[in-house]
Amino acid sequence: MIPTTAVRNPQLRAYFGDDAALDPGDFARQAHQMATGSRAAGKAQAVYQLNRHRHLSEVYAINTADDAFGKLLLCFVIAIIGQPLMKP
């Protein structure tokens, strides 16, 4: 048997809902509220929603066939330093 760190329980269900693999809907709403507030303050922020991911799984997907976050990250690095850190 493989041990788990997130045993299904009432608290976990209350936090994540019935699908504990994905972030609660409030996460996206709060991110968009933050972006709206940032724009209003003259500090525009980009907000991306990666479907089928939770708040850490996109990082674990780097260097896999799921390159949605990797492409965004590469664009961010290029925008900041003008070039990729290494050849893609």
C-alpha atoms as a PDB file:
ATOM      1  CA  MET A   1       0.000   0.000   0.000  1.00  0.00           C
ATOM      2  CA  ILE A   2       1.268   3.461  -0.944  1.00  0.00           C
ATOM      3  CA  PRO A   3       0.960   5.960   1.916  1.00  0.00           C
ATOM      4  CA  THR A   4      -0.955   9.167   1.257  1.00  0.00           C
ATOM      5  CA  THR A   5      -0.592  12.584   2.806  1.00  0.00           C
ATOM      6  CA  ALA A   6      -4.152  13.755   2.139  1.00  0.00           C
ATOM      7  CA  VAL A   7      -6.502  11.159   3.536  1.00  0.00           C
ATOM      8  CA  ARG A   8     -10.090  12.029   2.620  1.00  0.00           C
ATOM      9  CA  ASN A   9     -11.783  13.477   5.646  1.00  0.00           C
ATOM     10  CA  PRO A  10     -14.507  16.072   6.380  1.00  0.00           C
ATOM     11  CA  GLN A  11     -12.007  18.941   6.678  1.00  0.00           C
ATOM     12  CA  LEU A  12     -10.371  18.111   3.352  1.00  0.00           C
ATOM     13  CA  ARG A  13     -13.773  17.831   1.663  1.00  0.00           C
ATOM     14  CA  ALA A  14     -14.868  21.155   3.219  1.00  0.00           C
ATOM     15  CA  TYR A  15     -11.733  22.846   1.860  1.00  0.00           C
ATOM     16  CA  PHE A  16     -11.535  21.281  -1.605  1.00  0.00           C
ATOM     17  CA  GLY A  17     -15.063  19.993  -2.228  1.00  0.00           C
ATOM     18  CA  ASP A  18     -15.675  16.549  -3.662  1.00  0.00           C
ATOM     19  CA  ASP A  19     -12.768  16.748  -6.096  1.00  0.00           C
ATOM     20  CA  ALA A  20      -9.727  17.148  -3.848  1.00  0.00           C
ATOM     21  CA  ALA A  21      -7.415  17.177  -6.863  1.00  0.00           C
ATOM     22  CA  LEU A  22      -8.433  20.661  -8.015  1.00  0.00           C
ATOM     23  CA  ASP A  23      -8.418  24.051  -6.354  1.00  0.00           C
ATOM     24  CA  PRO A  24     -11.693  25.432  -5.035  1.00  0.00           C
ATOM     25  CA  GLY A  25     -13.513  27.870  -7.322  1.00  0.00           C
ATOM     26  CA  ASP A  26     -12.752  30.713  -4.918  1.00  0.00           C
ATOM     27  CA  PHE A  27      -9.054  30.555  -5.839  1.00  0.00           C
ATOM     28  CA  ALA A  28      -9.722  31.741  -9.408  1.00  0.00           C
ATOM     29  CA  ARG A  29     -12.192  34.394  -8.232  1.00  0.00           C
ATOM     30  CA  GLN A  30      -9.699  35.735  -5.689  1.00  0.00           C
ATOM     31  CA  ALA A  31      -6.892  35.791  -8.278  1.00  0.00           C
ATOM     32  CA  HIS A  32      -9.039  37.838 -10.625  1.00  0.00           C
ATOM     33  CA  GLN A  33      -9.995  40.214  -7.790  1.00  0.00           C
ATOM     34  CA  MET A  34      -6.288  40.693  -7.055  1.00  0.00           C
ATOM     35  CA  ALA A  35      -5.555  41.402 -10.724  1.00  0.00           C
ATOM     36  CA  THR A  36      -8.444  43.886 -10.940  1.00  0.00           C
ATOM     37  CA  GLY A  37      -7.193  45.695  -7.839  1.00  0.00           C
ATOM     38  CA  SER A  38      -3.630  45.738  -9.171  1.00  0.00           C
ATOM     39  CA  ARG A  39      -4.780  47.208 -12.491  1.00  0.00           C
ATOM     40  CA  ALA A  40      -6.802  49.860 -10.641  1.00  0.00           C
ATOM     41  CA  ALA A  41      -3.635  50.777  -8.728  1.00  0.00           C
ATOM     42  CA  GLY A  42      -1.696  51.094 -11.998  1.00  0.00           C
ATOM     43  CA  LYS A  43       0.210  47.829 -11.528  1.00  0.00           C
ATOM     44  CA  ALA A  44      -1.232  45.421 -14.067  1.00  0.00           C
ATOM     45  CA  GLN A  45      -0.844  41.726 -13.303  1.00  0.00           C
ATOM     46  CA  ALA A  46      -1.291  38.806 -15.658  1.00  0.00           C
ATOM     47  CA  VAL A  47      -3.547  36.026 -14.419  1.00  0.00           C
ATOM     48  CA  TYR A  48      -3.512  32.611 -16.030  1.00  0.00           C
ATOM     49  CA  GLN A  49      -5.794  29.718 -15.219  1.00  0.00           C
ATOM     50  CA  LEU A  50      -4.396  26.333 -16.125  1.00  0.00           C
ATOM     51  CA  ASN A  51      -7.294  23.926 -16.359  1.00  0.00           C
ATOM     52  CA  ARG A  52      -6.882  20.490 -14.788  1.00  0.00           C
ATOM     53  CA  HIS A  53      -4.222  21.802 -12.383  1.00  0.00           C
ATOM     54  CA  ARG A  54      -4.168  22.728  -8.739  1.00  0.00           C
ATOM     55  CA  HIS A  55      -1.874  25.254  -7.111  1.00  0.00           C
ATOM     56  CA  LEU A  56       1.239  23.024  -7.250  1.00  0.00           C
ATOM     57  CA  SER A  57       0.651  20.453  -9.976  1.00  0.00           C
ATOM     58  CA  GLU A  58       1.631  22.847 -12.772  1.00  0.00           C
ATOM     59  CA  VAL A  59       5.116  23.082 -11.263  1.00  0.00           C
ATOM     60  CA  TYR A  60       5.384  19.297 -11.151  1.00  0.00           C
ATOM     61  CA  ALA A  61       4.384  19.208 -14.833  1.00  0.00           C
ATOM     62  CA  ILE A  62       7.511  21.101 -15.934  1.00  0.00           C
ATOM     63  CA  ASN A  63       9.579  18.940 -18.296  1.00  0.00           C
ATOM     64  CA  THR A  64       6.641  16.632 -19.039  1.00  0.00           C
ATOM     65  CA  ALA A  65       4.303  16.387 -22.030  1.00  0.00           C
ATOM     66  CA  ASP A  66       2.016  18.937 -20.312  1.00  0.00           C
ATOM     67  CA  ASP A  67       3.958  22.081 -21.182  1.00  0.00           C
ATOM     68  CA  ALA A  68       1.248  24.725 -20.609  1.00  0.00           C
ATOM     69  CA  PHE A  69       2.929  26.174 -17.504  1.00  0.00           C
ATOM     70  CA  GLY A  70       6.431  25.657 -18.885  1.00  0.00           C
ATOM     71  CA  LYS A  71       5.615  27.852 -21.886  1.00  0.00           C
ATOM     72  CA  LEU A  72       4.213  30.593 -19.631  1.00  0.00           C
ATOM     73  CA  LEU A  73       7.259  30.391 -17.380  1.00  0.00           C
ATOM     74  CA  LEU A  74       9.635  30.597 -20.364  1.00  0.00           C
ATOM     75  CA  CYS A  75       7.788  33.683 -21.678  1.00  0.00           C
ATOM     76  CA  PHE A  76       8.050  35.278 -18.226  1.00  0.00           C
ATOM     77  CA  VAL A  77      11.802  34.648 -17.998  1.00  0.00           C
ATOM     78  CA  ILE A  78      12.364  36.021 -21.497  1.00  0.00           C
ATOM     79  CA  ALA A  79      10.276  39.112 -20.682  1.00  0.00           C
ATOM     80  CA  ILE A  80      12.319  39.755 -17.529  1.00  0.00           C
ATOM     81  CA  ILE A  81      15.871  38.988 -18.681  1.00  0.00           C
ATOM     82  CA  GLY A  82      15.524  39.138 -22.469  1.00  0.00           C
ATOM     83  CA  GLN A  83      16.485  35.527 -23.148  1.00  0.00           C
ATOM     84  CA  PRO A  84      15.831  32.019 -21.885  1.00  0.00           C
ATOM     85  CA  LEU A  85      18.101  30.757 -19.122  1.00  0.00           C
ATOM     86  CA  MET A  86      19.036  27.867 -21.408  1.00  0.00           C
ATOM     87  CA  LYS A  87      18.021  26.576 -24.805  1.00  0.00           C
ATOM     88  CA  PRO A  88      14.502  25.058 -24.701  1.00  0.00           C
END
